[in-house]
Amino acid sequence: MISPYVIQWKSKVNGRAGRGTKQFERKEAERLAEELNHEYPDILHEAVKALPPREEKPEFEAEPEMVEDVEEHVVVE
């Protein structure tokens, strides 16, 4: 199985850093990182394994014990 790689970078000037989202095969990512390091010498680029996608968790998730049985009341006027 081929592991996907992305380009990770860090500025040598101000310390800002980031990670690309486009995925490459290892050899292609390494070649691209080398090319980018040559083209942009103030930024260090490296090929790293892509992180697995995070599972999105809802902001609020009711715990089963927090949910109460609620009877519906109808008001007739």
PDB file of N, CA and C in Angstrom:
ATOM      1  N   MET A   1       0.841  -1.178   0.000  1.00  0.00           N
ATOM      2  CA  MET A   1       0.000   0.000   0.000  1.00  0.00           C
ATOM      3  C   MET A   1       0.889   1.246   0.000  1.00  0.00           C
ATOM      4  N   ILE A   2       0.538   2.228  -0.791  1.00  0.00           N
ATOM      5  CA  ILE A   2       1.297   3.463  -0.895  1.00  0.00           C
ATOM      6  C   ILE A   2       0.757   4.462   0.125  1.00  0.00           C
ATOM      7  N   SER A   3       1.660   4.982   0.970  1.00  0.00           N
ATOM      8  CA  SER A   3       1.259   5.991   1.942  1.00  0.00           C
ATOM      9  C   SER A   3       1.278   7.355   1.263  1.00  0.00           C
ATOM     10  N   PRO A   4       0.238   8.140   1.444  1.00  0.00           N
ATOM     11  CA  PRO A   4       0.243   9.481   0.854  1.00  0.00           C
ATOM     12  C   PRO A   4       1.135  10.429   1.658  1.00  0.00           C
ATOM     13  N   TYR A   5       1.795  11.313   0.958  1.00  0.00           N
ATOM     14  CA  TYR A   5       2.671  12.314   1.572  1.00  0.00           C
ATOM     15  C   TYR A   5       2.182  13.702   1.188  1.00  0.00           C
ATOM     16  N   VAL A   6       2.482  14.676   2.045  1.00  0.00           N
ATOM     17  CA  VAL A   6       2.174  16.078   1.785  1.00  0.00           C
ATOM     18  C   VAL A   6       3.451  16.876   2.014  1.00  0.00           C
ATOM     19  N   ILE A   7       3.422  18.144   1.615  1.00  0.00           N
ATOM     20  CA  ILE A   7       4.561  19.029   1.818  1.00  0.00           C
ATOM     21  C   ILE A   7       4.322  19.850   3.086  1.00  0.00           C
ATOM     22  N   GLN A   8       5.271  19.758   4.009  1.00  0.00           N
ATOM     23  CA  GLN A   8       5.233  20.559   5.229  1.00  0.00           C
ATOM     24  C   GLN A   8       6.293  21.637   5.067  1.00  0.00           C
ATOM     25  N   TRP A   9       6.015  22.853   5.541  1.00  0.00           N
ATOM     26  CA  TRP A   9       6.962  23.940   5.360  1.00  0.00           C
ATOM     27  C   TRP A   9       7.086  24.784   6.626  1.00  0.00           C
ATOM     28  N   LYS A  10       8.239  25.470   6.740  1.00  0.00           N
ATOM     29  CA  LYS A  10       8.456  26.390   7.854  1.00  0.00           C
ATOM     30  C   LYS A  10       9.343  27.526   7.364  1.00  0.00           C
ATOM     31  N   SER A  11       8.918  28.757   7.650  1.00  0.00           N
ATOM     32  CA  SER A  11       9.682  29.935   7.265  1.00  0.00           C
ATOM     33  C   SER A  11      10.907  30.075   8.155  1.00  0.00           C
ATOM     34  N   LYS A  12      12.062  30.309   7.532  1.00  0.00           N
ATOM     35  CA  LYS A  12      13.285  30.558   8.288  1.00  0.00           C
ATOM     36  C   LYS A  12      13.345  32.008   8.757  1.00  0.00           C
ATOM     37  N   VAL A  13      12.469  32.853   8.215  1.00  0.00           N
ATOM     38  CA  VAL A  13      12.461  34.277   8.543  1.00  0.00           C
ATOM     39  C   VAL A  13      11.606  34.571   9.770  1.00  0.00           C
ATOM     40  N   ASN A  14      10.341  34.115   9.747  1.00  0.00           N
ATOM     41  CA  ASN A  14       9.439  34.481  10.846  1.00  0.00           C
ATOM     42  C   ASN A  14       8.898  33.280  11.628  1.00  0.00           C
ATOM     43  N   GLY A  15       9.293  32.076  11.268  1.00  0.00           N
ATOM     44  CA  GLY A  15       8.884  30.894  12.017  1.00  0.00           C
ATOM     45  C   GLY A  15       7.506  30.344  11.700  1.00  0.00           C
ATOM     46  N   ARG A  16       6.750  31.016  10.813  1.00  0.00           N
ATOM     47  CA  ARG A  16       5.439  30.492  10.449  1.00  0.00           C
ATOM     48  C   ARG A  16       5.611  29.145   9.772  1.00  0.00           C
ATOM     49  N   ALA A  17       4.619  28.284   9.967  1.00  0.00           N
ATOM     50  CA  ALA A  17       4.706  26.932   9.423  1.00  0.00           C
ATOM     51  C   ALA A  17       3.340  26.480   8.942  1.00  0.00           C
ATOM     52  N   GLY A  18       3.337  25.484   8.099  1.00  0.00           N
ATOM     53  CA  GLY A  18       2.076  24.953   7.599  1.00  0.00           C
ATOM     54  C   GLY A  18       2.291  23.606   6.943  1.00  0.00           C
ATOM     55  N   ARG A  19       1.195  23.057   6.499  1.00  0.00           N
ATOM     56  CA  ARG A  19       1.215  21.741   5.868  1.00  0.00           C
ATOM     57  C   ARG A  19       0.239  21.787   4.702  1.00  0.00           C
ATOM     58  N   GLY A  20       0.692  21.355   3.540  1.00  0.00           N
ATOM     59  CA  GLY A  20      -0.167  21.315   2.370  1.00  0.00           C
ATOM     60  C   GLY A  20      -1.227  20.235   2.494  1.00  0.00           C
ATOM     61  N   THR A  21      -2.217  20.314   1.633  1.00  0.00           N
ATOM     62  CA  THR A  21      -3.292  19.327   1.660  1.00  0.00           C
ATOM     63  C   THR A  21      -3.245  18.383   0.459  1.00  0.00           C
ATOM     64  N   LYS A  22      -2.561  18.797  -0.605  1.00  0.00           N
ATOM     65  CA  LYS A  22      -2.473  17.940  -1.788  1.00  0.00           C
ATOM     66  C   LYS A  22      -1.553  16.766  -1.489  1.00  0.00           C
ATOM     67  N   GLN A  23      -2.000  15.567  -1.814  1.00  0.00           N
ATOM     68  CA  GLN A  23      -1.243  14.360  -1.490  1.00  0.00           C
ATOM     69  C   GLN A  23      -0.468  13.852  -2.704  1.00  0.00           C
ATOM     70  N   PHE A  24       0.725  13.333  -2.417  1.00  0.00           N
ATOM     71  CA  PHE A  24       1.628  12.821  -3.444  1.00  0.00           C
ATOM     72  C   PHE A  24       2.159  11.464  -2.996  1.00  0.00           C
ATOM     73  N   GLU A  25       2.704  10.727  -3.944  1.00  0.00           N
ATOM     74  CA  GLU A  25       3.478   9.544  -3.594  1.00  0.00           C
ATOM     75  C   GLU A  25       4.804  10.040  -3.017  1.00  0.00           C
ATOM     76  N   ARG A  26       5.463   9.215  -2.237  1.00  0.00           N
ATOM     77  CA  ARG A  26       6.660   9.645  -1.516  1.00  0.00           C
ATOM     78  C   ARG A  26       7.724  10.270  -2.424  1.00  0.00           C
ATOM     79  N   LYS A  27       8.071   9.588  -3.491  1.00  0.00           N
ATOM     80  CA  LYS A  27       9.127  10.085  -4.384  1.00  0.00           C
ATOM     81  C   LYS A  27       8.764  11.435  -4.979  1.00  0.00           C
ATOM     82  N   GLU A  28       7.521  11.602  -5.386  1.00  0.00           N
ATOM     83  CA  GLU A  28       7.063  12.869  -5.966  1.00  0.00           C
ATOM     84  C   GLU A  28       7.104  13.983  -4.920  1.00  0.00           C
ATOM     85  N   ALA A  29       6.688  13.681  -3.700  1.00  0.00           N
ATOM     86  CA  ALA A  29       6.695  14.687  -2.628  1.00  0.00           C
ATOM     87  C   ALA A  29       8.126  15.100  -2.297  1.00  0.00           C
ATOM     88  N   GLU A  30       9.040  14.150  -2.245  1.00  0.00           N
ATOM     89  CA  GLU A  30      10.440  14.467  -1.967  1.00  0.00           C
ATOM     90  C   GLU A  30      11.039  15.325  -3.073  1.00  0.00           C
ATOM     91  N   ARG A  31      10.718  15.002  -4.321  1.00  0.00           N
ATOM     92  CA  ARG A  31      11.223  15.780  -5.458  1.00  0.00           C
ATOM     93  C   ARG A  31      10.685  17.205  -5.399  1.00  0.00           C
ATOM     94  N   LEU A  32       9.392  17.348  -5.103  1.00  0.00           N
ATOM     95  CA  LEU A  32       8.765  18.668  -5.028  1.00  0.00           C
ATOM     96  C   LEU A  32       9.346  19.484  -3.877  1.00  0.00           C
ATOM     97  N   ALA A  33       9.552  18.867  -2.724  1.00  0.00           N
ATOM     98  CA  ALA A  33      10.130  19.574  -1.575  1.00  0.00           C
ATOM     99  C   ALA A  33      11.524  20.095  -1.923  1.00  0.00           C
ATOM    100  N   GLU A  34      12.318  19.275  -2.591  1.00  0.00           N
ATOM    101  CA  GLU A  34      13.658  19.702  -3.004  1.00  0.00           C
ATOM    102  C   GLU A  34      13.579  20.873  -3.969  1.00  0.00           C
ATOM    103  N   GLU A  35      12.667  20.798  -4.927  1.00  0.00           N
ATOM    104  CA  GLU A  35      12.479  21.882  -5.896  1.00  0.00           C
ATOM    105  C   GLU A  35      12.045  23.176  -5.192  1.00  0.00           C
ATOM    106  N   LEU A  36      11.110  23.061  -4.258  1.00  0.00           N
ATOM    107  CA  LEU A  36      10.629  24.245  -3.532  1.00  0.00           C
ATOM    108  C   LEU A  36      11.729  24.847  -2.656  1.00  0.00           C
ATOM    109  N   ASN A  37      12.556  24.005  -2.035  1.00  0.00           N
ATOM    110  CA  ASN A  37      13.661  24.509  -1.227  1.00  0.00           C
ATOM    111  C   ASN A  37      14.659  25.291  -2.072  1.00  0.00           C
ATOM    112  N   HIS A  38      14.850  24.847  -3.297  1.00  0.00           N
ATOM    113  CA  HIS A  38      15.763  25.556  -4.204  1.00  0.00           C
ATOM    114  C   HIS A  38      15.144  26.881  -4.648  1.00  0.00           C
ATOM    115  N   GLU A  39      13.855  26.852  -4.972  1.00  0.00           N
ATOM    116  CA  GLU A  39      13.161  28.042  -5.473  1.00  0.00           C
ATOM    117  C   GLU A  39      12.888  29.070  -4.376  1.00  0.00           C
ATOM    118  N   TYR A  40      12.629  28.613  -3.150  1.00  0.00           N
ATOM    119  CA  TYR A  40      12.315  29.488  -2.014  1.00  0.00           C
ATOM    120  C   TYR A  40      13.262  29.166  -0.852  1.00  0.00           C
ATOM    121  N   PRO A  41      14.492  29.680  -0.882  1.00  0.00           N
ATOM    122  CA  PRO A  41      15.492  29.303   0.119  1.00  0.00           C
ATOM    123  C   PRO A  41      15.173  29.770   1.548  1.00  0.00           C
ATOM    124  N   ASP A  42      14.293  30.728   1.722  1.00  0.00           N
ATOM    125  CA  ASP A  42      13.939  31.197   3.065  1.00  0.00           C
ATOM    126  C   ASP A  42      12.854  30.340   3.718  1.00  0.00           C
ATOM    127  N   ILE A  43      12.400  29.312   3.006  1.00  0.00           N
ATOM    128  CA  ILE A  43      11.369  28.424   3.543  1.00  0.00           C
ATOM    129  C   ILE A  43      11.874  26.991   3.434  1.00  0.00           C
ATOM    130  N   LEU A  44      11.822  26.268   4.550  1.00  0.00           N
ATOM    131  CA  LEU A  44      12.237  24.868   4.560  1.00  0.00           C
ATOM    132  C   LEU A  44      11.022  23.999   4.242  1.00  0.00           C
ATOM    133  N   HIS A  45      11.107  23.216   3.179  1.00  0.00           N
ATOM    134  CA  HIS A  45      10.032  22.307   2.766  1.00  0.00           C
ATOM    135  C   HIS A  45      10.491  20.872   2.992  1.00  0.00           C
ATOM    136  N   GLU A  46       9.575  20.011   3.428  1.00  0.00           N
ATOM    137  CA  GLU A  46       9.910  18.593   3.550  1.00  0.00           C
ATOM    138  C   GLU A  46       8.683  17.743   3.282  1.00  0.00           C
ATOM    139  N   ALA A  47       8.927  16.560   2.776  1.00  0.00           N
ATOM    140  CA  ALA A  47       7.856  15.596   2.511  1.00  0.00           C
ATOM    141  C   ALA A  47       7.592  14.826   3.794  1.00  0.00           C
ATOM    142  N   VAL A  48       6.332  14.805   4.218  1.00  0.00           N
ATOM    143  CA  VAL A  48       5.946  14.070   5.430  1.00  0.00           C
ATOM    144  C   VAL A  48       4.698  13.250   5.135  1.00  0.00           C
ATOM    145  N   LYS A  49       4.516  12.174   5.904  1.00  0.00           N
ATOM    146  CA  LYS A  49       3.313  11.367   5.725  1.00  0.00           C
ATOM    147  C   LYS A  49       2.085  12.199   6.047  1.00  0.00           C
ATOM    148  N   ALA A  50       1.056  12.039   5.241  1.00  0.00           N
ATOM    149  CA  ALA A  50      -0.195  12.749   5.470  1.00  0.00           C
ATOM    150  C   ALA A  50      -0.865  12.204   6.722  1.00  0.00           C
ATOM    151  N   LEU A  51      -1.489  13.087   7.475  1.00  0.00           N
ATOM    152  CA  LEU A  51      -2.215  12.666   8.664  1.00  0.00           C
ATOM    153  C   LEU A  51      -3.553  12.067   8.251  1.00  0.00           C
ATOM    154  N   PRO A  52      -4.037  11.069   8.986  1.00  0.00           N
ATOM    155  CA  PRO A  52      -5.364  10.523   8.656  1.00  0.00           C
ATOM    156  C   PRO A  52      -6.420  11.597   8.924  1.00  0.00           C
ATOM    157  N   PRO A  53      -7.526  11.582   8.169  1.00  0.00           N
ATOM    158  CA  PRO A  53      -8.565  12.589   8.383  1.00  0.00           C
ATOM    159  C   PRO A  53      -9.127  12.499   9.793  1.00  0.00           C
ATOM    160  N   ARG A  54      -9.392  13.663  10.389  1.00  0.00           N
ATOM    161  CA  ARG A  54      -9.971  13.695  11.731  1.00  0.00           C
ATOM    162  C   ARG A  54     -11.460  13.435  11.643  1.00  0.00           C
ATOM    163  N   GLU A  55     -11.965  12.737  12.639  1.00  0.00           N
ATOM    164  CA  GLU A  55     -13.406  12.539  12.716  1.00  0.00           C
ATOM    165  C   GLU A  55     -14.000  13.778  13.338  1.00  0.00           C
ATOM    166  N   GLU A  56     -14.964  14.374  12.656  1.00  0.00           N
ATOM    167  CA  GLU A  56     -15.611  15.565  13.175  1.00  0.00           C
ATOM    168  C   GLU A  56     -16.588  15.168  14.262  1.00  0.00           C
ATOM    169  N   LYS A  57     -16.478  15.801  15.413  1.00  0.00           N
ATOM    170  CA  LYS A  57     -17.372  15.535  16.521  1.00  0.00           C
ATOM    171  C   LYS A  57     -18.255  16.753  16.705  1.00  0.00           C
ATOM    172  N   PRO A  58     -19.561  16.556  16.860  1.00  0.00           N
ATOM    173  CA  PRO A  58     -20.433  17.709  17.056  1.00  0.00           C
ATOM    174  C   PRO A  58     -20.005  18.504  18.283  1.00  0.00           C
ATOM    175  N   GLU A  59     -20.261  19.831  18.236  1.00  0.00           N
ATOM    176  CA  GLU A  59     -19.898  20.696  19.352  1.00  0.00           C
ATOM    177  C   GLU A  59     -20.559  20.243  20.647  1.00  0.00           C
ATOM    178  N   PHE A  60     -21.810  19.874  20.568  1.00  0.00           N
ATOM    179  CA  PHE A  60     -22.538  19.415  21.753  1.00  0.00           C
ATOM    180  C   PHE A  60     -23.196  18.095  21.416  1.00  0.00           C
ATOM    181  N   GLU A  61     -22.915  17.130  22.228  1.00  0.00           N
ATOM    182  CA  GLU A  61     -23.517  15.822  22.027  1.00  0.00           C
ATOM    183  C   GLU A  61     -24.117  15.399  23.365  1.00  0.00           C
ATOM    184  N   ALA A  62     -25.434  15.241  23.401  1.00  0.00           N
ATOM    185  CA  ALA A  62     -26.112  14.902  24.654  1.00  0.00           C
ATOM    186  C   ALA A  62     -25.690  13.520  25.126  1.00  0.00           C
ATOM    187  N   GLU A  63     -25.376  13.444  26.384  1.00  0.00           N
ATOM    188  CA  GLU A  63     -25.055  12.163  26.991  1.00  0.00           C
ATOM    189  C   GLU A  63     -26.368  11.428  27.239  1.00  0.00           C
ATOM    190  N   PRO A  64     -26.400  10.108  27.078  1.00  0.00           N
ATOM    191  CA  PRO A  64     -27.654   9.365  27.250  1.00  0.00           C
ATOM    192  C   PRO A  64     -28.318   9.625  28.605  1.00  0.00           C
ATOM    193  N   GLU A  65     -27.525   9.753  29.668  1.00  0.00           N
ATOM    194  CA  GLU A  65     -28.143   9.969  30.972  1.00  0.00           C
ATOM    195  C   GLU A  65     -28.691  11.380  31.129  1.00  0.00           C
ATOM    196  N   MET A  66     -28.322  12.293  30.234  1.00  0.00           N
ATOM    197  CA  MET A  66     -28.818  13.669  30.317  1.00  0.00           C
ATOM    198  C   MET A  66     -30.192  13.809  29.656  1.00  0.00           C
ATOM    199  N   VAL A  67     -30.532  12.880  28.807  1.00  0.00           N
ATOM    200  CA  VAL A  67     -31.788  12.969  28.078  1.00  0.00           C
ATOM    201  C   VAL A  67     -32.903  12.435  28.966  1.00  0.00           C
ATOM    202  N   GLU A  68     -33.916  13.255  29.164  1.00  0.00           N
ATOM    203  CA  GLU A  68     -35.037  12.859  30.015  1.00  0.00           C
ATOM    204  C   GLU A  68     -36.244  12.558  29.144  1.00  0.00           C
ATOM    205  N   ASP A  69     -37.109  11.704  29.658  1.00  0.00           N
ATOM    206  CA  ASP A  69     -38.365  11.472  28.963  1.00  0.00           C
ATOM    207  C   ASP A  69     -39.246  12.695  29.189  1.00  0.00           C
ATOM    208  N   VAL A  70     -39.707  13.271  28.117  1.00  0.00           N
ATOM    209  CA  VAL A  70     -40.534  14.468  28.213  1.00  0.00           C
ATOM    210  C   VAL A  70     -41.908  14.133  27.656  1.00  0.00           C
ATOM    211  N   GLU A  71     -42.923  14.386  28.466  1.00  0.00           N
ATOM    212  CA  GLU A  71     -44.282  14.176  27.990  1.00  0.00           C
ATOM    213  C   GLU A  71     -44.735  15.443  27.281  1.00  0.00           C
ATOM    214  N   GLU A  72     -45.418  15.248  26.184  1.00  0.00           N
ATOM    215  CA  GLU A  72     -45.899  16.380  25.422  1.00  0.00           C
ATOM    216  C   GLU A  72     -47.256  16.781  25.972  1.00  0.00           C
ATOM    217  N   HIS A  73     -47.393  18.073  26.295  1.00  0.00           N
ATOM    218  CA  HIS A  73     -48.661  18.580  26.834  1.00  0.00           C
ATOM    219  C   HIS A  73     -49.301  19.471  25.785  1.00  0.00           C
ATOM    220  N   VAL A  74     -50.574  19.268  25.554  1.00  0.00           N
ATOM    221  CA  VAL A  74     -51.307  20.092  24.608  1.00  0.00           C
ATOM    222  C   VAL A  74     -52.240  20.979  25.412  1.00  0.00           C
ATOM    223  N   VAL A  75     -52.159  22.253  25.135  1.00  0.00           N
ATOM    224  CA  VAL A  75     -53.017  23.206  25.832  1.00  0.00           C
ATOM    225  C   VAL A  75     -54.168  23.557  24.884  1.00  0.00           C
ATOM    226  N   VAL A  76     -55.399  23.364  25.370  1.00  0.00           N
ATOM    227  CA  VAL A  76     -56.559  23.699  24.561  1.00  0.00           C
ATOM    228  C   VAL A  76     -57.244  24.896  25.221  1.00  0.00           C
ATOM    229  N   GLU A  77     -57.484  25.910  24.443  1.00  0.00           N
ATOM    230  CA  GLU A  77     -58.159  27.092  24.996  1.00  0.00           C
ATOM    231  C   GLU A  77     -59.572  27.160  24.564  1.00  0.00           C
TER     232      GLU A  77
END
